[in-house]
């Protein structure tokens, strides 16, 4: 009976050792899965951060472009005004010249 008890005890010890090894193996797998999850999460967070930065940069460039378009429109308006003033000045000058020539001609008569 003592031999049977020793044999059962050895069997229980072997079963416990196998279970301990299985638990250690599962624990190692759990630690590895947790590490991979953490890496994946960090990768996703970095990707989201890059996307936010890209969106902010795109918004900034769009704002810059709109400001430059407004500036261009102001310059175009100034050019149009200057062209109009130049045309008016040329017309006034031509009228004045014509008037002066008429006066000179009438003075010669």
Protein backbone atom coordinates (compact mmCIF):
# COMPACT_ATOMS: atom_id res chain seq x y z
CA UNK A 1 0.00 0.00 0.00
CA UNK A 2 2.92 2.35 0.74
CA UNK A 3 4.33 1.61 -2.71
CA UNK A 4 1.00 2.48 -4.27
CA UNK A 5 0.91 5.77 -2.32
CA UNK A 6 4.47 6.60 -3.47
CA UNK A 7 3.55 5.82 -7.06
CA UNK A 8 0.40 7.99 -6.89
CA UNK A 9 2.40 10.77 -5.22
CA UNK A 10 5.02 10.61 -7.99
CA UNK A 11 2.25 10.69 -10.60
CA UNK A 12 0.67 13.74 -8.90
CA UNK A 13 4.09 15.46 -8.76
CA UNK A 14 4.65 14.76 -12.48
CA UNK A 15 1.15 16.06 -13.30
CA UNK A 16 1.80 19.18 -11.20
CA UNK A 17 5.17 19.73 -12.90
CA UNK A 18 3.51 19.38 -16.35
CA UNK A 19 0.79 21.78 -15.32
CA UNK A 20 3.37 24.22 -13.92
CA UNK A 21 5.25 24.06 -17.24
CA UNK A 22 2.00 24.61 -19.15
CA UNK A 23 1.17 27.58 -16.90
CA UNK A 24 4.66 29.04 -17.46
CA UNK A 25 4.27 28.57 -21.21
CA UNK A 26 0.84 30.24 -21.21
CA UNK A 27 2.19 33.06 -19.07
CA UNK A 28 5.03 33.58 -21.58
CA UNK A 29 2.52 33.61 -24.44
CA UNK A 30 0.37 36.09 -22.52
CA UNK A 31 3.37 38.39 -21.91
CA UNK A 32 4.30 38.22 -25.62
CA UNK A 33 0.71 38.91 -26.73
CA UNK A 34 0.54 41.85 -24.33
CA UNK A 35 3.83 43.22 -25.73
CA UNK A 36 2.61 42.86 -29.31
CA UNK A 37 -0.67 44.55 -28.42
CA UNK A 38 1.21 47.42 -26.82
CA UNK A 39 3.44 47.77 -29.91
CA UNK A 40 0.38 47.72 -32.18
CA UNK A 41 -1.36 50.31 -30.01
CA UNK A 42 1.71 52.57 -30.10
CA UNK A 43 1.89 52.15 -33.89
CA UNK A 44 -1.79 53.07 -34.25
CA UNK A 45 -1.38 56.10 -31.96
CA UNK A 46 1.65 57.27 -33.97
CA UNK A 47 -0.31 56.80 -37.20
CA UNK A 48 -3.25 58.79 -35.81
CA UNK A 49 -0.85 61.51 -34.67
CA UNK A 50 0.72 61.70 -38.14
CA UNK A 51 -2.76 61.93 -39.68
CA UNK A 52 -3.71 64.77 -37.31
CA UNK A 53 -0.45 66.58 -38.13
CA UNK A 54 -1.10 66.10 -41.84
CA UNK A 55 -4.63 67.47 -41.53
CA UNK A 56 -3.36 70.48 -39.57
CA UNK A 57 -0.67 71.10 -42.22
CA UNK A 58 -3.27 70.81 -45.00
CA UNK A 59 -5.52 73.32 -43.22
CA UNK A 60 -2.59 75.68 -42.73
CA UNK A 61 -1.63 75.43 -46.42
CA UNK A 62 -5.25 76.00 -47.46
CA UNK A 63 -5.42 79.11 -45.25
CA UNK A 64 -2.13 80.33 -46.73
CA UNK A 65 -3.47 79.76 -50.24
CA UNK A 66 -6.67 81.67 -49.47
CA UNK A 67 -4.66 84.57 -48.04
CA UNK A 68 -2.47 84.65 -51.15
CA UNK A 69 -5.56 84.58 -53.38
CA UNK A 70 -7.02 87.53 -51.45
CA UNK A 71 -3.73 89.37 -51.73
CA UNK A 72 -3.64 88.67 -55.47
CA UNK A 73 -7.21 90.00 -55.86
CA UNK A 74 -6.22 93.20 -54.00
CA UNK A 75 -3.20 93.64 -56.28
CA UNK A 76 -5.37 92.97 -59.36
CA UNK A 77 -7.87 95.58 -58.13
CA UNK A 78 -5.03 98.08 -57.61
CA UNK A 79 -3.69 97.36 -61.11
CA UNK A 80 -7.16 97.83 -62.61
CA UNK A 81 -7.54 101.12 -60.76
CA UNK A 82 -4.12 102.29 -61.94
CA UNK A 83 -4.96 101.30 -65.52
CA UNK A 84 -8.22 103.21 -65.29
CA UNK A 85 -6.43 106.25 -63.86
CA UNK A 86 -3.82 106.01 -66.62
CA UNK A 87 -6.54 105.84 -69.29
CA UNK A 88 -8.30 108.82 -67.72
CA UNK A 89 -5.02 110.74 -67.57
CA UNK A 90 -4.24 109.91 -71.20
CA UNK A 91 -7.71 111.00 -72.22
CA UNK A 92 -7.40 114.22 -70.22
CA UNK A 93 -3.98 114.84 -71.71
CA UNK A 94 -5.30 114.24 -75.21
CA UNK A 95 -8.23 116.59 -74.59
CA UNK A 96 -5.92 119.22 -73.14
CA UNK A 97 -3.53 118.87 -76.08
CA UNK A 98 -6.42 119.16 -78.52
CA UNK A 99 -7.71 122.22 -76.65
CA UNK A 100 -4.25 123.82 -76.61
CA UNK A 101 -3.82 123.19 -80.32
CA UNK A 102 -7.21 124.78 -80.99
CA UNK A 103 -6.23 127.85 -78.95
CA UNK A 104 -2.92 128.11 -80.70
CA UNK A 105 -4.60 127.73 -84.06
CA UNK A 106 -7.22 130.32 -83.21
CA UNK A 107 -4.50 132.65 -81.98
CA UNK A 108 -2.73 132.36 -85.29
CA UNK A 109 -5.80 133.38 -87.23
